[in-house]
C-alpha atoms as a PDB file:
ATOM      1  CA  MET A   1     -94.595 -27.275 -56.291  1.00  0.00           C
ATOM      2  CA  SER A   2     -91.820 -26.798 -53.762  1.00  0.00           C
ATOM      3  CA  LEU A   3     -90.367 -29.849 -52.062  1.00  0.00           C
ATOM      4  CA  ALA A   4     -91.618 -28.575 -48.688  1.00  0.00           C
ATOM      5  CA  LYS A   5     -95.193 -28.381 -49.976  1.00  0.00           C
ATOM      6  CA  GLU A   6     -94.805 -31.812 -51.547  1.00  0.00           C
ATOM      7  CA  LEU A   7     -93.553 -33.250 -48.259  1.00  0.00           C
ATOM      8  CA  VAL A   8     -96.582 -31.814 -46.443  1.00  0.00           C
ATOM      9  CA  ARG A   9     -98.905 -33.150 -49.153  1.00  0.00           C
ATOM     10  CA  LEU A  10     -97.407 -36.622 -48.879  1.00  0.00           C
ATOM     11  CA  ALA A  11     -97.750 -36.844 -45.080  1.00  0.00           C
ATOM     12  CA  PRO A  12    -100.446 -34.351 -44.064  1.00  0.00           C
ATOM     13  CA  ILE A  13    -101.230 -35.712 -40.588  1.00  0.00           C
ATOM     14  CA  GLU A  14     -97.582 -35.864 -39.559  1.00  0.00           C
ATOM     15  CA  ALA A  15     -96.893 -32.473 -41.146  1.00  0.00           C
ATOM     16  CA  LYS A  16     -99.791 -30.886 -39.264  1.00  0.00           C
ATOM     17  CA  ALA A  17     -98.481 -32.256 -35.958  1.00  0.00           C
ATOM     18  CA  PHE A  18     -94.922 -31.132 -36.698  1.00  0.00           C
ATOM     19  CA  LEU A  19     -95.976 -27.674 -37.837  1.00  0.00           C
ATOM     20  CA  GLY A  20     -98.155 -27.294 -34.720  1.00  0.00           C
ATOM     21  CA  LEU A  21     -95.222 -28.156 -32.470  1.00  0.00           C
ATOM     22  CA  LYS A  22     -92.976 -25.784 -34.445  1.00  0.00           C
ATOM     23  CA  ALA A  23     -95.526 -22.973 -34.078  1.00  0.00           C
ATOM     24  CA  ALA A  24     -95.811 -23.581 -30.330  1.00  0.00           C
ATOM     25  CA  ALA A  25     -92.034 -23.577 -29.890  1.00  0.00           C
ATOM     26  CA  GLU A  26     -91.626 -20.398 -31.933  1.00  0.00           C
ATOM     27  CA  ARG A  27     -94.514 -18.397 -30.451  1.00  0.00           C
ATOM     28  CA  ALA A  28     -93.799 -14.851 -29.381  1.00  0.00           C
ATOM     29  CA  ASP A  29     -96.122 -14.792 -26.362  1.00  0.00           C
ATOM     30  CA  GLY A  30     -94.398 -17.385 -24.166  1.00  0.00           C
ATOM     31  CA  ALA A  31     -92.609 -16.888 -20.861  1.00  0.00           C
ATOM     32  CA  ILE A  32     -89.280 -17.019 -22.742  1.00  0.00           C
ATOM     33  CA  PRO A  33     -88.892 -13.881 -24.857  1.00  0.00           C
ATOM     34  CA  GLU A  34     -88.669 -14.335 -28.630  1.00  0.00           C
ATOM     35  CA  LYS A  35     -84.998 -13.307 -28.813  1.00  0.00           C
ATOM     36  CA  TYR A  36     -84.006 -15.978 -26.302  1.00  0.00           C
ATOM     37  CA  ARG A  37     -86.164 -18.581 -28.040  1.00  0.00           C
ATOM     38  CA  GLU A  38     -84.259 -17.835 -31.240  1.00  0.00           C
ATOM     39  CA  LEU A  39     -80.859 -17.964 -29.519  1.00  0.00           C
ATOM     40  CA  ILE A  40     -81.818 -21.332 -28.028  1.00  0.00           C
ATOM     41  CA  SER A  41     -82.945 -22.437 -31.480  1.00  0.00           C
ATOM     42  CA  VAL A  42     -79.637 -21.357 -33.012  1.00  0.00           C
ATOM     43  CA  ALA A  43     -77.715 -23.314 -30.373  1.00  0.00           C
ATOM     44  CA  VAL A  44     -79.838 -26.430 -30.869  1.00  0.00           C
ATOM     45  CA  ALA A  45     -79.549 -26.121 -34.654  1.00  0.00           C
ATOM     46  CA  LEU A  46     -75.770 -25.948 -34.318  1.00  0.00           C
ATOM     47  CA  THR A  47     -75.790 -29.020 -32.091  1.00  0.00           C
ATOM     48  CA  THR A  48     -78.049 -31.020 -34.412  1.00  0.00           C
ATOM     49  CA  GLN A  49     -76.117 -29.640 -37.399  1.00  0.00           C
ATOM     50  CA  CYS A  50     -79.250 -28.689 -39.333  1.00  0.00           C
ATOM     51  CA  SER A  51     -78.097 -26.108 -41.872  1.00  0.00           C
ATOM     52  CA  TYR A  52     -81.670 -25.121 -42.787  1.00  0.00           C
ATOM     53  CA  CYS A  53     -82.446 -24.534 -39.090  1.00  0.00           C
ATOM     54  CA  ILE A  54     -79.241 -22.536 -38.594  1.00  0.00           C
ATOM     55  CA  ASP A  55     -80.209 -20.347 -41.553  1.00  0.00           C
ATOM     56  CA  ALA A  56     -83.794 -19.768 -40.418  1.00  0.00           C
ATOM     57  CA  HIS A  57     -83.055 -19.191 -36.743  1.00  0.00           C
ATOM     58  CA  ALA A  58     -80.006 -16.977 -37.280  1.00  0.00           C
ATOM     59  CA  VAL A  59     -82.172 -14.717 -39.451  1.00  0.00           C
ATOM     60  CA  ASN A  60     -85.026 -14.883 -36.928  1.00  0.00           C
ATOM     61  CA  ALA A  61     -82.600 -14.049 -34.105  1.00  0.00           C
ATOM     62  CA  VAL A  62     -81.518 -10.893 -35.941  1.00  0.00           C
ATOM     63  CA  LYS A  63     -85.163  -9.907 -36.425  1.00  0.00           C
ATOM     64  CA  ALA A  64     -85.801 -10.545 -32.711  1.00  0.00           C
ATOM     65  CA  GLY A  65     -82.954  -8.217 -31.732  1.00  0.00           C
ATOM     66  CA  ALA A  66     -80.087 -10.629 -31.066  1.00  0.00           C
ATOM     67  CA  THR A  67     -76.564  -9.268 -31.415  1.00  0.00           C
ATOM     68  CA  ARG A  68     -73.522 -10.808 -33.109  1.00  0.00           C
ATOM     69  CA  GLU A  69     -72.013 -11.238 -29.646  1.00  0.00           C
ATOM     70  CA  GLU A  70     -75.062 -13.214 -28.477  1.00  0.00           C
ATOM     71  CA  ILE A  71     -74.853 -15.461 -31.536  1.00  0.00           C
ATOM     72  CA  ALA A  72     -71.136 -15.978 -30.892  1.00  0.00           C
ATOM     73  CA  GLU A  73     -71.787 -16.927 -27.268  1.00  0.00           C
ATOM     74  CA  ALA A  74     -74.565 -19.316 -28.350  1.00  0.00           C
ATOM     75  CA  VAL A  75     -72.068 -20.949 -30.738  1.00  0.00           C
ATOM     76  CA  PHE A  76     -69.617 -21.667 -27.943  1.00  0.00           C
ATOM     77  CA  ILE A  77     -72.271 -22.720 -25.443  1.00  0.00           C
ATOM     78  CA  ALA A  78     -73.567 -25.231 -27.997  1.00  0.00           C
ATOM     79  CA  SER A  79     -70.070 -26.481 -28.778  1.00  0.00           C
ATOM     80  CA  ALA A  80     -69.260 -26.930 -25.071  1.00  0.00           C
ATOM     81  CA  LEU A  81     -72.414 -28.970 -24.556  1.00  0.00           C
ATOM     82  CA  ARG A  82     -71.723 -31.027 -27.654  1.00  0.00           C
ATOM     83  CA  ALA A  83     -68.207 -31.713 -26.385  1.00  0.00           C
ATOM     84  CA  GLY A  84     -69.658 -32.586 -22.989  1.00  0.00           C
ATOM     85  CA  ALA A  85     -71.889 -35.161 -24.641  1.00  0.00           C
ATOM     86  CA  ALA A  86     -68.823 -36.718 -26.262  1.00  0.00           C
ATOM     87  CA  VAL A  87     -67.201 -37.027 -22.837  1.00  0.00           C
ATOM     88  CA  GLY A  88     -70.399 -38.552 -21.434  1.00  0.00           C
ATOM     89  CA  HIS A  89     -70.491 -41.074 -24.259  1.00  0.00           C
ATOM     90  CA  GLY A  90     -66.808 -41.708 -23.673  1.00  0.00           C
ATOM     91  CA  LEU A  91     -67.641 -42.726 -20.096  1.00  0.00           C
ATOM     92  CA  LEU A  92     -70.250 -45.108 -21.472  1.00  0.00           C
ATOM     93  CA  ALA A  93     -67.679 -46.538 -23.895  1.00  0.00           C
ATOM     94  CA  LEU A  94     -65.269 -47.187 -21.025  1.00  0.00           C
ATOM     95  CA  ARG A  95     -68.009 -48.837 -18.959  1.00  0.00           C
ATOM     96  CA  LEU A  96     -68.967 -51.070 -21.879  1.00  0.00           C
ATOM     97  CA  PHE A  97     -65.318 -51.895 -22.528  1.00  0.00           C
ATOM     98  CA  ASP A  98     -64.857 -52.855 -18.879  1.00  0.00           C
ATOM     99  CA  ALA A  99     -67.992 -55.012 -18.955  1.00  0.00           C
ATOM    100  CA  ALA A 100     -66.853 -56.737 -22.150  1.00  0.00           C
ATOM    101  CA  SER A 101     -63.384 -57.301 -20.696  1.00  0.00           C
ATOM    102  CA  LEU A 102     -64.851 -59.073 -17.678  1.00  0.00           C
ATOM    103  CA  ALA A 103     -67.270 -61.215 -19.691  1.00  0.00           C
ATOM    104  CA  PRO A 104     -66.245 -64.816 -20.369  1.00  0.00           C
ATOM    105  CA  ALA A 105     -64.951 -65.327 -23.891  1.00  0.00           C
END
């Protein structure tokens, strides 16, 4: 038995909920066309650093008609947002530092 099947067998209720959400997110009949859903998925997978997701969604993007250029742009959009999050967290770190500096010892 594959590990994926074993994981589903071990937690069937949670697996059913997850797989339902995955199916809804990956449906082809939504307002967002399938190609764009896959490009979004590639970008999110890059940001979350899920190698299995990158593999699956890069292949799905090709099947949905995405180009190499679109994948490349998704890569840099994801990296810009990830860097932006680091800056945002940096602002939080400065705020927390300032608060700690003002607190009585």
